[in-house]
Amino acid sequence: MDEHDWYYDNDAEPPPPGGAAVDRACVARICCLAWPRFTDSDWEKLGRIYQVLPGWQADSPDVARWFSTPEDGDAHLWASVEPSGLQVGGVLPAETWREWDIRFRQAVAAACLPRFS
């Protein structure tokens, strides 16, 4: 599976790839994780991945969050388990998003979490 086959962006104008000059990234991504194939071990792996990513907010009461809550600051990221996959959204400095996203995708691949394209 190619690394780009298992996620897609819902935003109308995604940020330019690579090092293009963009100050902020408005994130609206679906990571196509195959929930029906997840085992208890896979859920535990996903939880550990969340915790090692930059900006992890361990005290979030509702969904997985990084950096801050939308109410606490303008740089925030969240993830929610949805039927279509893991929905990731928020607003971050573009470089912070690129770094977080690369680390997340590498961790998912290394953990061999079930994905679909």
C-alpha atoms as a PDB file:
ATOM      1  CA  MET A   1       0.000   0.000   0.000  1.00  0.00           C
ATOM      2  CA  ASP A   2       1.392   3.382  -1.008  1.00  0.00           C
ATOM      3  CA  GLU A   3       1.714   5.852   1.863  1.00  0.00           C
ATOM      4  CA  HIS A   4      -0.820   8.223   0.239  1.00  0.00           C
ATOM      5  CA  ASP A   5      -3.449   5.544  -0.368  1.00  0.00           C
ATOM      6  CA  TRP A   6      -4.814   5.492   3.156  1.00  0.00           C
ATOM      7  CA  TYR A   7      -5.710   9.121   3.875  1.00  0.00           C
ATOM      8  CA  TYR A   8      -7.378  12.059   2.194  1.00  0.00           C
ATOM      9  CA  ASP A   9      -7.997  15.714   2.957  1.00  0.00           C
ATOM     10  CA  ASN A  10     -11.462  17.255   3.037  1.00  0.00           C
ATOM     11  CA  ASP A  11     -10.399  20.886   2.834  1.00  0.00           C
ATOM     12  CA  ALA A  12     -11.189  22.800  -0.324  1.00  0.00           C
ATOM     13  CA  GLU A  13      -7.689  24.202  -0.675  1.00  0.00           C
ATOM     14  CA  PRO A  14      -5.074  21.918   0.894  1.00  0.00           C
ATOM     15  CA  PRO A  15      -1.765  23.505   1.808  1.00  0.00           C
ATOM     16  CA  PRO A  16       0.938  23.263  -0.856  1.00  0.00           C
ATOM     17  CA  PRO A  17       3.223  20.246  -0.517  1.00  0.00           C
ATOM     18  CA  GLY A  18       6.806  20.349   0.681  1.00  0.00           C
ATOM     19  CA  GLY A  19       8.395  23.554   1.807  1.00  0.00           C
ATOM     20  CA  ALA A  20       5.964  25.995   0.209  1.00  0.00           C
ATOM     21  CA  ALA A  21       5.487  29.149   2.238  1.00  0.00           C
ATOM     22  CA  VAL A  22       2.278  28.770   4.234  1.00  0.00           C
ATOM     23  CA  ASP A  23       1.884  30.141   7.730  1.00  0.00           C
ATOM     24  CA  ARG A  24      -1.104  28.108   8.943  1.00  0.00           C
ATOM     25  CA  ALA A  25      -2.558  24.731   8.070  1.00  0.00           C
ATOM     26  CA  CYS A  26      -6.291  24.187   8.431  1.00  0.00           C
ATOM     27  CA  VAL A  27      -6.397  20.423   8.912  1.00  0.00           C
ATOM     28  CA  ALA A  28      -9.363  18.326   7.754  1.00  0.00           C
ATOM     29  CA  ARG A  29      -8.006  14.828   7.170  1.00  0.00           C
ATOM     30  CA  ILE A  30      -9.451  11.324   7.204  1.00  0.00           C
ATOM     31  CA  CYS A  31      -6.968   8.541   7.943  1.00  0.00           C
ATOM     32  CA  CYS A  32      -8.557   5.364   6.607  1.00  0.00           C
ATOM     33  CA  LEU A  33      -7.949   3.032   9.512  1.00  0.00           C
ATOM     34  CA  ALA A  34      -9.973  -0.171   9.171  1.00  0.00           C
ATOM     35  CA  TRP A  35     -11.813  -0.256  12.507  1.00  0.00           C
ATOM     36  CA  PRO A  36     -13.549  -3.615  11.872  1.00  0.00           C
ATOM     37  CA  ARG A  37     -10.126  -5.279  11.657  1.00  0.00           C
ATOM     38  CA  PHE A  38      -8.752  -3.603  14.806  1.00  0.00           C
ATOM     39  CA  THR A  39      -7.901  -5.912  17.678  1.00  0.00           C
ATOM     40  CA  ASP A  40      -7.554  -4.885  21.317  1.00  0.00           C
ATOM     41  CA  SER A  41      -3.816  -4.759  20.701  1.00  0.00           C
ATOM     42  CA  ASP A  42      -4.303  -2.365  17.763  1.00  0.00           C
ATOM     43  CA  TRP A  43      -6.398  -0.009  19.907  1.00  0.00           C
ATOM     44  CA  GLU A  44      -3.646  -0.041  22.543  1.00  0.00           C
ATOM     45  CA  LYS A  45      -1.028   0.733  19.888  1.00  0.00           C
ATOM     46  CA  LEU A  46      -3.086   3.652  18.598  1.00  0.00           C
ATOM     47  CA  GLY A  47      -3.386   5.004  22.144  1.00  0.00           C
ATOM     48  CA  ARG A  48       0.380   4.797  22.607  1.00  0.00           C
ATOM     49  CA  ILE A  49       0.928   6.554  19.262  1.00  0.00           C
ATOM     50  CA  TYR A  50      -1.322   9.401  20.412  1.00  0.00           C
ATOM     51  CA  GLN A  51       0.717   9.823  23.591  1.00  0.00           C
ATOM     52  CA  VAL A  52       4.129  10.091  21.936  1.00  0.00           C
ATOM     53  CA  LEU A  53       3.121  12.665  19.333  1.00  0.00           C
ATOM     54  CA  PRO A  54       4.147  16.281  19.964  1.00  0.00           C
ATOM     55  CA  GLY A  55       1.671  18.345  21.954  1.00  0.00           C
ATOM     56  CA  TRP A  56      -0.309  15.432  23.462  1.00  0.00           C
ATOM     57  CA  GLN A  57      -3.029  16.689  25.852  1.00  0.00           C
ATOM     58  CA  ALA A  58      -3.464  13.803  28.295  1.00  0.00           C
ATOM     59  CA  ASP A  59      -6.311  15.467  30.190  1.00  0.00           C
ATOM     60  CA  SER A  60      -8.708  15.898  27.253  1.00  0.00           C
ATOM     61  CA  PRO A  61     -12.120  14.681  28.439  1.00  0.00           C
ATOM     62  CA  ASP A  62     -13.700  13.955  25.066  1.00  0.00           C
ATOM     63  CA  VAL A  63     -11.466  13.294  22.036  1.00  0.00           C
ATOM     64  CA  ALA A  64      -7.729  12.920  21.500  1.00  0.00           C
ATOM     65  CA  ARG A  65      -6.138  16.379  21.433  1.00  0.00           C
ATOM     66  CA  TRP A  66      -2.726  17.897  20.836  1.00  0.00           C
ATOM     67  CA  PHE A  67      -1.255  21.348  21.546  1.00  0.00           C
ATOM     68  CA  SER A  68      -4.412  22.845  23.147  1.00  0.00           C
ATOM     69  CA  THR A  69      -8.178  22.855  22.957  1.00  0.00           C
ATOM     70  CA  PRO A  70      -9.816  25.178  20.420  1.00  0.00           C
ATOM     71  CA  GLU A  71     -10.962  27.332  23.330  1.00  0.00           C
ATOM     72  CA  ASP A  72      -7.446  27.599  24.811  1.00  0.00           C
ATOM     73  CA  GLY A  73      -5.474  28.702  21.788  1.00  0.00           C
ATOM     74  CA  ASP A  74      -5.397  29.065  18.062  1.00  0.00           C
ATOM     75  CA  ALA A  75      -2.961  26.152  17.581  1.00  0.00           C
ATOM     76  CA  HIS A  76      -4.891  22.947  18.191  1.00  0.00           C
ATOM     77  CA  LEU A  77      -5.384  19.484  16.734  1.00  0.00           C
ATOM     78  CA  TRP A  78      -7.889  16.763  17.568  1.00  0.00           C
ATOM     79  CA  ALA A  79      -8.757  13.260  16.380  1.00  0.00           C
ATOM     80  CA  SER A  80     -12.025  11.373  16.479  1.00  0.00           C
ATOM     81  CA  VAL A  81     -12.903   7.782  15.575  1.00  0.00           C
ATOM     82  CA  GLU A  82     -15.537   7.936  12.809  1.00  0.00           C
ATOM     83  CA  PRO A  83     -16.978   5.271  10.477  1.00  0.00           C
ATOM     84  CA  SER A  84     -14.852   6.606   7.604  1.00  0.00           C
ATOM     85  CA  GLY A  85     -11.655   6.394   9.666  1.00  0.00           C
ATOM     86  CA  LEU A  86      -9.760   8.609  12.051  1.00  0.00           C
ATOM     87  CA  GLN A  87     -10.860  12.193  11.499  1.00  0.00           C
ATOM     88  CA  VAL A  88      -8.079  14.670  12.310  1.00  0.00           C
ATOM     89  CA  GLY A  89      -8.829  18.377  12.401  1.00  0.00           C
ATOM     90  CA  GLY A  90      -7.549  21.673  13.695  1.00  0.00           C
ATOM     91  CA  VAL A  91      -5.378  24.674  12.940  1.00  0.00           C
ATOM     92  CA  LEU A  92      -1.607  24.670  13.377  1.00  0.00           C
ATOM     93  CA  PRO A  93       1.460  26.411  12.057  1.00  0.00           C
ATOM     94  CA  ALA A  94       2.064  24.651   8.730  1.00  0.00           C
ATOM     95  CA  GLU A  95       5.495  23.329   9.691  1.00  0.00           C
ATOM     96  CA  THR A  96       4.152  21.927  12.979  1.00  0.00           C
ATOM     97  CA  TRP A  97       1.392  20.123  11.069  1.00  0.00           C
ATOM     98  CA  ARG A  98       3.835  18.661   8.546  1.00  0.00           C
ATOM     99  CA  GLU A  99       6.092  17.341  11.317  1.00  0.00           C
ATOM    100  CA  TRP A 100       3.174  15.936  13.360  1.00  0.00           C
ATOM    101  CA  ASP A 101       1.609  14.320  10.295  1.00  0.00           C
ATOM    102  CA  ILE A 102       4.852  12.632   9.216  1.00  0.00           C
ATOM    103  CA  ARG A 103       5.423  11.250  12.705  1.00  0.00           C
ATOM    104  CA  PHE A 104       1.825  10.015  12.937  1.00  0.00           C
ATOM    105  CA  ARG A 105       1.887   8.251   9.559  1.00  0.00           C
ATOM    106  CA  GLN A 106       5.276   6.678  10.275  1.00  0.00           C
ATOM    107  CA  ALA A 107       4.054   5.418  13.658  1.00  0.00           C
ATOM    108  CA  VAL A 108       0.871   3.934  12.166  1.00  0.00           C
ATOM    109  CA  ALA A 109       2.893   2.155   9.482  1.00  0.00           C
ATOM    110  CA  ALA A 110       5.466   0.876  11.999  1.00  0.00           C
ATOM    111  CA  ALA A 111       2.665  -0.434  14.243  1.00  0.00           C
ATOM    112  CA  CYS A 112       1.084  -2.216  11.236  1.00  0.00           C
ATOM    113  CA  LEU A 113      -2.354  -0.877  12.130  1.00  0.00           C
ATOM    114  CA  PRO A 114      -5.077  -2.112   9.758  1.00  0.00           C
ATOM    115  CA  ARG A 115      -5.782   0.410   6.995  1.00  0.00           C
ATOM    116  CA  PHE A 116      -7.866   0.488   3.871  1.00  0.00           C
ATOM    117  CA  SER A 117      -7.621   2.578   0.734  1.00  0.00           C
END
